[in-house]
Amino acid sequence: AGKAAPAKGAVEETWVALIEGYLAEHSGPKSAAEVSTAL
């Protein structure tokens, strides 16, 4: 049960949130391929 259950209070971020965070931290335009590699 401990393996199957996510950590208490931890919810996986959506892809949109992860991508927005990556682009905010890295200056300059990025292509879809660059974003995929970074994630």
PDB file of all heavy atoms in Angstrom:
ATOM      1  N   ALA A   1       0.834  -1.203   0.000  1.00  0.00           N
ATOM      2  CA  ALA A   1       0.000   0.000   0.000  1.00  0.00           C
ATOM      3  C   ALA A   1       0.864   1.246   0.000  1.00  0.00           C
ATOM      4  O   ALA A   1       0.544   2.242  -0.642  1.00  0.00           O
ATOM      5  CB  ALA A   1      -0.927  -0.006   1.220  1.00  0.00           C
ATOM      6  N   GLY A   2       1.988   1.200   0.703  1.00  0.00           N
ATOM      7  CA  GLY A   2       2.883   2.357   0.740  1.00  0.00           C
ATOM      8  C   GLY A   2       3.498   2.640  -0.611  1.00  0.00           C
ATOM      9  O   GLY A   2       3.708   3.783  -0.986  1.00  0.00           O
ATOM     10  N   LYS A   3       3.780   1.569  -1.379  1.00  0.00           N
ATOM     11  CA  LYS A   3       4.332   1.777  -2.718  1.00  0.00           C
ATOM     12  C   LYS A   3       3.296   2.356  -3.663  1.00  0.00           C
ATOM     13  O   LYS A   3       3.594   3.180  -4.516  1.00  0.00           O
ATOM     14  CB  LYS A   3       4.869   0.458  -3.281  1.00  0.00           C
ATOM     15  CG  LYS A   3       6.119  -0.049  -2.584  1.00  0.00           C
ATOM     16  CD  LYS A   3       6.606  -1.331  -3.228  1.00  0.00           C
ATOM     17  CE  LYS A   3       7.882  -1.839  -2.570  1.00  0.00           C
ATOM     18  NZ  LYS A   3       8.358  -3.091  -3.173  1.00  0.00           N
ATOM     19  N   ALA A   4       2.055   1.887  -3.563  1.00  0.00           N
ATOM     20  CA  ALA A   4       1.016   2.334  -4.494  1.00  0.00           C
ATOM     21  C   ALA A   4       0.549   3.730  -4.180  1.00  0.00           C
ATOM     22  O   ALA A   4       0.167   4.474  -5.075  1.00  0.00           O
ATOM     23  CB  ALA A   4      -0.172   1.361  -4.447  1.00  0.00           C
ATOM     24  N   ALA A   5       0.525   4.142  -2.896  1.00  0.00           N
ATOM     25  CA  ALA A   5      -0.030   5.437  -2.517  1.00  0.00           C
ATOM     26  C   ALA A   5       0.976   6.542  -2.778  1.00  0.00           C
ATOM     27  O   ALA A   5       2.163   6.399  -2.520  1.00  0.00           O
ATOM     28  CB  ALA A   5      -0.399   5.423  -1.040  1.00  0.00           C
ATOM     29  N   PRO A   6       0.534   7.685  -3.305  1.00  0.00           N
ATOM     30  CA  PRO A   6       1.432   8.826  -3.460  1.00  0.00           C
ATOM     31  C   PRO A   6       1.763   9.422  -2.112  1.00  0.00           C
ATOM     32  O   PRO A   6       1.055   9.221  -1.140  1.00  0.00           O
ATOM     33  CB  PRO A   6       0.603   9.796  -4.322  1.00  0.00           C
ATOM     34  CG  PRO A   6      -0.808   9.420  -4.051  1.00  0.00           C
ATOM     35  CD  PRO A   6      -0.811   7.938  -3.801  1.00  0.00           C
ATOM     36  N   ALA A   7       2.860  10.155  -2.028  1.00  0.00           N
ATOM     37  CA  ALA A   7       3.254  10.785  -0.780  1.00  0.00           C
ATOM     38  C   ALA A   7       2.163  11.730  -0.309  1.00  0.00           C
ATOM     39  O   ALA A   7       1.482  12.361  -1.109  1.00  0.00           O
ATOM     40  CB  ALA A   7       4.570  11.557  -0.980  1.00  0.00           C
ATOM     41  N   LYS A   8       1.995  11.802   1.030  1.00  0.00           N
ATOM     42  CA  LYS A   8       0.914  12.612   1.588  1.00  0.00           C
ATOM     43  C   LYS A   8       1.097  14.064   1.184  1.00  0.00           C
ATOM     44  O   LYS A   8       2.132  14.663   1.398  1.00  0.00           O
ATOM     45  CB  LYS A   8       0.925  12.475   3.118  1.00  0.00           C
ATOM     46  CG  LYS A   8      -0.232  13.213   3.777  1.00  0.00           C
ATOM     47  CD  LYS A   8      -0.220  12.989   5.273  1.00  0.00           C
ATOM     48  CE  LYS A   8      -1.378  13.706   5.940  1.00  0.00           C
ATOM     49  NZ  LYS A   8      -1.380  13.511   7.386  1.00  0.00           N
ATOM     50  N   GLY A   9       0.064  14.642   0.597  1.00  0.00           N
ATOM     51  CA  GLY A   9       0.097  16.040   0.179  1.00  0.00           C
ATOM     52  C   GLY A   9       0.783  16.265  -1.149  1.00  0.00           C
ATOM     53  O   GLY A   9       0.819  17.386  -1.651  1.00  0.00           O
ATOM     54  N   ALA A  10       1.363  15.185  -1.750  1.00  0.00           N
ATOM     55  CA  ALA A  10       2.074  15.367  -3.017  1.00  0.00           C
ATOM     56  C   ALA A  10       1.165  15.003  -4.179  1.00  0.00           C
ATOM     57  O   ALA A  10       0.642  13.914  -4.247  1.00  0.00           O
ATOM     58  CB  ALA A  10       3.332  14.487  -3.048  1.00  0.00           C
ATOM     59  N   VAL A  11       0.967  15.950  -5.077  1.00  0.00           N
ATOM     60  CA  VAL A  11       0.150  15.731  -6.266  1.00  0.00           C
ATOM     61  C   VAL A  11       1.014  16.029  -7.483  1.00  0.00           C
ATOM     62  O   VAL A  11       1.695  17.056  -7.537  1.00  0.00           O
ATOM     63  CB  VAL A  11      -1.096  16.650  -6.269  1.00  0.00           C
ATOM     64  CG1 VAL A  11      -1.909  16.439  -7.528  1.00  0.00           C
ATOM     65  CG2 VAL A  11      -1.942  16.377  -5.032  1.00  0.00           C
ATOM     66  N   GLU A  12       1.005  15.119  -8.442  1.00  0.00           N
ATOM     67  CA  GLU A  12       1.825  15.314  -9.635  1.00  0.00           C
ATOM     68  C   GLU A  12       1.373  16.559 -10.397  1.00  0.00           C
ATOM     69  O   GLU A  12       0.186  16.768 -10.615  1.00  0.00           O
ATOM     70  CB  GLU A  12       1.722  14.090 -10.552  1.00  0.00           C
ATOM     71  CG  GLU A  12       2.467  12.881 -10.013  1.00  0.00           C
ATOM     72  CD  GLU A  12       2.500  11.758 -11.031  1.00  0.00           C
ATOM     73  OE1 GLU A  12       1.717  11.829 -11.988  1.00  0.00           O
ATOM     74  OE2 GLU A  12       3.297  10.842 -10.871  1.00  0.00           O
ATOM     75  N   GLU A  13       2.358  17.363 -10.790  1.00  0.00           N
ATOM     76  CA  GLU A  13       2.036  18.563 -11.553  1.00  0.00           C
ATOM     77  C   GLU A  13       1.600  18.175 -12.968  1.00  0.00           C
ATOM     78  O   GLU A  13       2.044  17.176 -13.529  1.00  0.00           O
ATOM     79  CB  GLU A  13       3.260  19.476 -11.637  1.00  0.00           C
ATOM     80  CG  GLU A  13       3.627  20.146 -10.322  1.00  0.00           C
ATOM     81  CD  GLU A  13       4.739  21.156 -10.506  1.00  0.00           C
ATOM     82  OE1 GLU A  13       5.900  20.726 -10.503  1.00  0.00           O
ATOM     83  OE2 GLU A  13       4.464  22.353 -10.660  1.00  0.00           O
ATOM     84  N   THR A  14       0.741  19.002 -13.547  1.00  0.00           N
ATOM     85  CA  THR A  14       0.322  18.757 -14.921  1.00  0.00           C
ATOM     86  C   THR A  14       1.472  19.103 -15.856  1.00  0.00           C
ATOM     87  O   THR A  14       2.410  19.830 -15.497  1.00  0.00           O
ATOM     88  CB  THR A  14      -0.907  19.601 -15.269  1.00  0.00           C
ATOM     89  OG1 THR A  14      -0.558  21.005 -15.165  1.00  0.00           O
ATOM     90  CG2 THR A  14      -2.062  19.301 -14.317  1.00  0.00           C
ATOM     91  N   TRP A  15       1.376  18.588 -17.081  1.00  0.00           N
ATOM     92  CA  TRP A  15       2.418  18.878 -18.070  1.00  0.00           C
ATOM     93  C   TRP A  15       2.500  20.367 -18.363  1.00  0.00           C
ATOM     94  O   TRP A  15       3.588  20.919 -18.561  1.00  0.00           O
ATOM     95  CB  TRP A  15       2.148  18.099 -19.356  1.00  0.00           C
ATOM     96  CG  TRP A  15       2.373  16.636 -19.217  1.00  0.00           C
ATOM     97  CD1 TRP A  15       1.446  15.646 -19.266  1.00  0.00           C
ATOM     98  CD2 TRP A  15       3.624  15.967 -18.992  1.00  0.00           C
ATOM     99  NE1 TRP A  15       2.016  14.407 -19.078  1.00  0.00           N
ATOM    100  CE2 TRP A  15       3.355  14.579 -18.918  1.00  0.00           C
ATOM    101  CE3 TRP A  15       4.933  16.404 -18.842  1.00  0.00           C
ATOM    102  CZ2 TRP A  15       4.347  13.635 -18.697  1.00  0.00           C
ATOM    103  CZ3 TRP A  15       5.928  15.454 -18.632  1.00  0.00           C
ATOM    104  CH2 TRP A  15       5.641  14.095 -18.561  1.00  0.00           C
ATOM    105  N   VAL A  16       1.348  21.033 -18.408  1.00  0.00           N
ATOM    106  CA  VAL A  16       1.350  22.471 -18.693  1.00  0.00           C
ATOM    107  C   VAL A  16       2.124  23.225 -17.617  1.00  0.00           C
ATOM    108  O   VAL A  16       2.926  24.124 -17.904  1.00  0.00           O
ATOM    109  CB  VAL A  16      -0.098  23.001 -18.798  1.00  0.00           C
ATOM    110  CG1 VAL A  16      -0.095  24.518 -18.978  1.00  0.00           C
ATOM    111  CG2 VAL A  16      -0.830  22.354 -19.957  1.00  0.00           C
ATOM    112  N   ALA A  17       1.914  22.838 -16.335  1.00  0.00           N
ATOM    113  CA  ALA A  17       2.616  23.504 -15.244  1.00  0.00           C
ATOM    114  C   ALA A  17       4.125  23.239 -15.312  1.00  0.00           C
ATOM    115  O   ALA A  17       4.939  24.142 -15.080  1.00  0.00           O
ATOM    116  CB  ALA A  17       2.057  23.047 -13.903  1.00  0.00           C
ATOM    117  N   LEU A  18       4.497  21.986 -15.613  1.00  0.00           N
ATOM    118  CA  LEU A  18       5.927  21.659 -15.724  1.00  0.00           C
ATOM    119  C   LEU A  18       6.585  22.437 -16.861  1.00  0.00           C
ATOM    120  O   LEU A  18       7.696  22.958 -16.717  1.00  0.00           O
ATOM    121  CB  LEU A  18       6.089  20.155 -15.951  1.00  0.00           C
ATOM    122  CG  LEU A  18       5.724  19.241 -14.775  1.00  0.00           C
ATOM    123  CD1 LEU A  18       5.814  17.782 -15.196  1.00  0.00           C
ATOM    124  CD2 LEU A  18       6.631  19.499 -13.582  1.00  0.00           C
ATOM    125  N   ILE A  19       5.880  22.520 -17.992  1.00  0.00           N
ATOM    126  CA  ILE A  19       6.439  23.224 -19.158  1.00  0.00           C
ATOM    127  C   ILE A  19       6.563  24.708 -18.873  1.00  0.00           C
ATOM    128  O   ILE A  19       7.578  25.344 -19.185  1.00  0.00           O
ATOM    129  CB  ILE A  19       5.549  22.969 -20.389  1.00  0.00           C
ATOM    130  CG1 ILE A  19       5.674  21.504 -20.827  1.00  0.00           C
ATOM    131  CG2 ILE A  19       5.932  23.892 -21.531  1.00  0.00           C
ATOM    132  CD1 ILE A  19       4.681  21.091 -21.881  1.00  0.00           C
ATOM    133  N   GLU A  20       5.522  25.298 -18.253  1.00  0.00           N
ATOM    134  CA  GLU A  20       5.567  26.723 -17.940  1.00  0.00           C
ATOM    135  C   GLU A  20       6.715  27.027 -16.986  1.00  0.00           C
ATOM    136  O   GLU A  20       7.431  28.031 -17.135  1.00  0.00           O
ATOM    137  CB  GLU A  20       4.235  27.162 -17.342  1.00  0.00           C
ATOM    138  CG  GLU A  20       4.171  28.667 -17.087  1.00  0.00           C
ATOM    139  CD  GLU A  20       2.864  29.085 -16.427  1.00  0.00           C
ATOM    140  OE1 GLU A  20       2.098  28.200 -16.022  1.00  0.00           O
ATOM    141  OE2 GLU A  20       2.625  30.293 -16.306  1.00  0.00           O
ATOM    142  N   GLY A  21       6.925  26.150 -15.988  1.00  0.00           N
ATOM    143  CA  GLY A  21       8.015  26.351 -15.058  1.00  0.00           C
ATOM    144  C   GLY A  21       9.381  26.264 -15.735  1.00  0.00           C
ATOM    145  O   GLY A  21      10.283  27.069 -15.455  1.00  0.00           O
ATOM    146  N   TYR A  22       9.518  25.299 -16.668  1.00  0.00           N
ATOM    147  CA  TYR A  22      10.793  25.163 -17.387  1.00  0.00           C
ATOM    148  C   TYR A  22      11.076  26.392 -18.241  1.00  0.00           C
ATOM    149  O   TYR A  22      12.180  26.939 -18.221  1.00  0.00           O
ATOM    150  CB  TYR A  22      10.756  23.906 -18.252  1.00  0.00           C
ATOM    151  CG  TYR A  22      11.872  23.852 -19.266  1.00  0.00           C
ATOM    152  CD1 TYR A  22      13.188  23.575 -18.891  1.00  0.00           C
ATOM    153  CD2 TYR A  22      11.622  24.118 -20.617  1.00  0.00           C
ATOM    154  CE1 TYR A  22      14.215  23.547 -19.822  1.00  0.00           C
ATOM    155  CE2 TYR A  22      12.636  24.088 -21.557  1.00  0.00           C
ATOM    156  CZ  TYR A  22      13.944  23.800 -21.148  1.00  0.00           C
ATOM    157  OH  TYR A  22      14.937  23.795 -22.078  1.00  0.00           O
ATOM    158  N   LEU A  23      10.067  26.856 -18.990  1.00  0.00           N
ATOM    159  CA  LEU A  23      10.269  28.019 -19.862  1.00  0.00           C
ATOM    160  C   LEU A  23      10.537  29.277 -19.048  1.00  0.00           C
ATOM    161  O   LEU A  23      11.257  30.174 -19.501  1.00  0.00           O
ATOM    162  CB  LEU A  23       9.042  28.209 -20.755  1.00  0.00           C
ATOM    163  CG  LEU A  23       8.812  27.127 -21.818  1.00  0.00           C
ATOM    164  CD1 LEU A  23       7.526  27.394 -22.582  1.00  0.00           C
ATOM    165  CD2 LEU A  23       9.992  27.041 -22.782  1.00  0.00           C
ATOM    166  N   ALA A  24       9.945  29.371 -17.843  1.00  0.00           N
ATOM    167  CA  ALA A  24      10.168  30.550 -17.008  1.00  0.00           C
ATOM    168  C   ALA A  24      11.602  30.581 -16.479  1.00  0.00           C
ATOM    169  O   ALA A  24      12.172  31.654 -16.273  1.00  0.00           O
ATOM    170  CB  ALA A  24       9.170  30.564 -15.853  1.00  0.00           C
ATOM    171  N   GLU A  25      12.187  29.398 -16.258  1.00  0.00           N
ATOM    172  CA  GLU A  25      13.537  29.323 -15.713  1.00  0.00           C
ATOM    173  C   GLU A  25      14.618  29.456 -16.789  1.00  0.00           C
ATOM    174  O   GLU A  25      15.761  29.748 -16.475  1.00  0.00           O
ATOM    175  CB  GLU A  25      13.726  27.998 -14.968  1.00  0.00           C
ATOM    176  CG  GLU A  25      12.874  27.870 -13.713  1.00  0.00           C
ATOM    177  CD  GLU A  25      12.995  26.501 -13.075  1.00  0.00           C
ATOM    178  OE1 GLU A  25      13.753  25.669 -13.641  1.00  0.00           O
ATOM    179  OE2 GLU A  25      12.358  26.254 -12.045  1.00  0.00           O
ATOM    180  N   HIS A  26      14.267  29.220 -18.043  1.00  0.00           N
ATOM    181  CA  HIS A  26      15.255  29.261 -19.128  1.00  0.00           C
ATOM    182  C   HIS A  26      14.863  30.348 -20.123  1.00  0.00           C
ATOM    183  O   HIS A  26      13.791  30.288 -20.724  1.00  0.00           O
ATOM    184  CB  HIS A  26      15.347  27.904 -19.828  1.00  0.00           C
ATOM    185  CG  HIS A  26      15.809  26.802 -18.942  1.00  0.00           C
ATOM    186  ND1 HIS A  26      14.978  26.199 -17.998  1.00  0.00           N
ATOM    187  CD2 HIS A  26      17.023  26.194 -18.810  1.00  0.00           C
ATOM    188  CE1 HIS A  26      15.647  25.267 -17.362  1.00  0.00           C
ATOM    189  NE2 HIS A  26      16.888  25.239 -17.824  1.00  0.00           N
ATOM    190  N   SER A  27      15.733  31.308 -20.279  1.00  0.00           N
ATOM    191  CA  SER A  27      15.441  32.418 -21.173  1.00  0.00           C
ATOM    192  C   SER A  27      15.570  31.973 -22.620  1.00  0.00           C
ATOM    193  O   SER A  27      16.322  31.052 -22.952  1.00  0.00           O
ATOM    194  CB  SER A  27      16.407  33.573 -20.893  1.00  0.00           C
ATOM    195  OG  SER A  27      17.750  33.150 -21.107  1.00  0.00           O
ATOM    196  N   GLY A  28      14.822  32.637 -23.464  1.00  0.00           N
ATOM    197  CA  GLY A  28      14.881  32.340 -24.886  1.00  0.00           C
ATOM    198  C   GLY A  28      13.829  31.346 -25.314  1.00  0.00           C
ATOM    199  O   GLY A  28      13.415  30.496 -24.535  1.00  0.00           O
ATOM    200  N   PRO A  29      13.358  31.452 -26.546  1.00  0.00           N
ATOM    201  CA  PRO A  29      12.335  30.520 -27.061  1.00  0.00           C
ATOM    202  C   PRO A  29      12.880  29.105 -27.130  1.00  0.00           C
ATOM    203  O   PRO A  29      14.062  28.881 -27.384  1.00  0.00           O
ATOM    204  CB  PRO A  29      12.030  31.081 -28.464  1.00  0.00           C
ATOM    205  CG  PRO A  29      12.555  32.473 -28.465  1.00  0.00           C
ATOM    206  CD  PRO A  29      13.720  32.489 -27.535  1.00  0.00           C
ATOM    207  N   LYS A  30      12.005  28.129 -26.890  1.00  0.00           N
ATOM    208  CA  LYS A  30      12.382  26.720 -26.933  1.00  0.00           C
ATOM    209  C   LYS A  30      11.413  25.970 -27.840  1.00  0.00           C
ATOM    210  O   LYS A  30      10.218  26.248 -27.876  1.00  0.00           O
ATOM    211  CB  LYS A  30      12.344  26.103 -25.537  1.00  0.00           C
ATOM    212  CG  LYS A  30      13.235  26.802 -24.512  1.00  0.00           C
ATOM    213  CD  LYS A  30      14.701  26.675 -24.854  1.00  0.00           C
ATOM    214  CE  LYS A  30      15.565  27.353 -23.790  1.00  0.00           C
ATOM    215  NZ  LYS A  30      17.006  27.283 -24.140  1.00  0.00           N
ATOM    216  N   SER A  31      11.943  24.997 -28.576  1.00  0.00           N
ATOM    217  CA  SER A  31      11.101  24.164 -29.431  1.00  0.00           C
ATOM    218  C   SER A  31      10.507  23.026 -28.614  1.00  0.00           C
ATOM    219  O   SER A  31      10.917  22.771 -27.478  1.00  0.00           O
ATOM    220  CB  SER A  31      11.928  23.582 -30.588  1.00  0.00           C
ATOM    221  OG  SER A  31      12.895  22.683 -30.089  1.00  0.00           O
ATOM    222  N   ALA A  32       9.527  22.314 -29.196  1.00  0.00           N
ATOM    223  CA  ALA A  32       8.897  21.200 -28.504  1.00  0.00           C
ATOM    224  C   ALA A  32       9.929  20.101 -28.210  1.00  0.00           C
ATOM    225  O   ALA A  32       9.885  19.462 -27.151  1.00  0.00           O
ATOM    226  CB  ALA A  32       7.737  20.643 -29.337  1.00  0.00           C
ATOM    227  N   ALA A  33      10.859  19.882 -29.122  1.00  0.00           N
ATOM    228  CA  ALA A  33      11.886  18.856 -28.919  1.00  0.00           C
ATOM    229  C   ALA A  33      12.803  19.221 -27.753  1.00  0.00           C
ATOM    230  O   ALA A  33      13.167  18.367 -26.938  1.00  0.00           O
ATOM    231  CB  ALA A  33      12.712  18.675 -30.193  1.00  0.00           C
ATOM    232  N   GLU A  34      13.173  20.504 -27.655  1.00  0.00           N
ATOM    233  CA  GLU A  34      14.031  20.935 -26.549  1.00  0.00           C
ATOM    234  C   GLU A  34      13.316  20.783 -25.208  1.00  0.00           C
ATOM    235  O   GLU A  34      13.909  20.347 -24.221  1.00  0.00           O
ATOM    236  CB  GLU A  34      14.450  22.391 -26.761  1.00  0.00           C
ATOM    237  CG  GLU A  34      15.411  22.591 -27.926  1.00  0.00           C
ATOM    238  CD  GLU A  34      15.698  24.053 -28.201  1.00  0.00           C
ATOM    239  OE1 GLU A  34      14.776  24.877 -28.091  1.00  0.00           O
ATOM    240  OE2 GLU A  34      16.850  24.373 -28.531  1.00  0.00           O
ATOM    241  N   VAL A  35      12.042  21.136 -25.187  1.00  0.00           N
ATOM    242  CA  VAL A  35      11.269  21.010 -23.951  1.00  0.00           C
ATOM    243  C   VAL A  35      11.145  19.540 -23.547  1.00  0.00           C
ATOM    244  O   VAL A  35      11.282  19.176 -22.381  1.00  0.00           O
ATOM    245  CB  VAL A  35       9.876  21.647 -24.109  1.00  0.00           C
ATOM    246  CG1 VAL A  35       9.024  21.406 -22.864  1.00  0.00           C
ATOM    247  CG2 VAL A  35      10.010  23.149 -24.358  1.00  0.00           C
ATOM    248  N   SER A  36      10.884  18.655 -24.527  1.00  0.00           N
ATOM    249  CA  SER A  36      10.756  17.224 -24.238  1.00  0.00           C
ATOM    250  C   SER A  36      12.042  16.672 -23.649  1.00  0.00           C
ATOM    251  O   SER A  36      12.018  15.919 -22.667  1.00  0.00           O
ATOM    252  CB  SER A  36      10.394  16.462 -25.522  1.00  0.00           C
ATOM    253  OG  SER A  36       9.163  16.891 -26.051  1.00  0.00           O
ATOM    254  N   THR A  37      13.179  17.034 -24.231  1.00  0.00           N
ATOM    255  CA  THR A  37      14.470  16.542 -23.734  1.00  0.00           C
ATOM    256  C   THR A  37      14.722  17.024 -22.310  1.00  0.00           C
ATOM    257  O   THR A  37      15.154  16.258 -21.439  1.00  0.00           O
ATOM    258  CB  THR A  37      15.600  17.026 -24.654  1.00  0.00           C
ATOM    259  OG1 THR A  37      15.367  16.535 -25.990  1.00  0.00           O
ATOM    260  CG2 THR A  37      16.943  16.514 -24.171  1.00  0.00           C
ATOM    261  N   ALA A  38      14.422  18.300 -22.053  1.00  0.00           N
ATOM    262  CA  ALA A  38      14.654  18.862 -20.717  1.00  0.00           C
ATOM    263  C   ALA A  38      13.768  18.197 -19.675  1.00  0.00           C
ATOM    264  O   ALA A  38      14.218  17.886 -18.563  1.00  0.00           O
ATOM    265  CB  ALA A  38      14.412  20.369 -20.741  1.00  0.00           C
ATOM    266  N   LEU A  39      12.499  17.953 -20.010  1.00  0.00           N
ATOM    267  CA  LEU A  39      11.589  17.320 -19.049  1.00  0.00           C
ATOM    268  C   LEU A  39      11.978  15.865 -18.799  1.00  0.00           C
ATOM    269  O   LEU A  39      11.813  15.351 -17.694  1.00  0.00           O
ATOM    270  CB  LEU A  39      10.146  17.398 -19.568  1.00  0.00           C
ATOM    271  CG  LEU A  39       9.527  18.797 -19.621  1.00  0.00           C
ATOM    272  CD1 LEU A  39       8.091  18.725 -20.115  1.00  0.00           C
ATOM    273  CD2 LEU A  39       9.576  19.470 -18.248  1.00  0.00           C
TER     274      LEU A  39
END
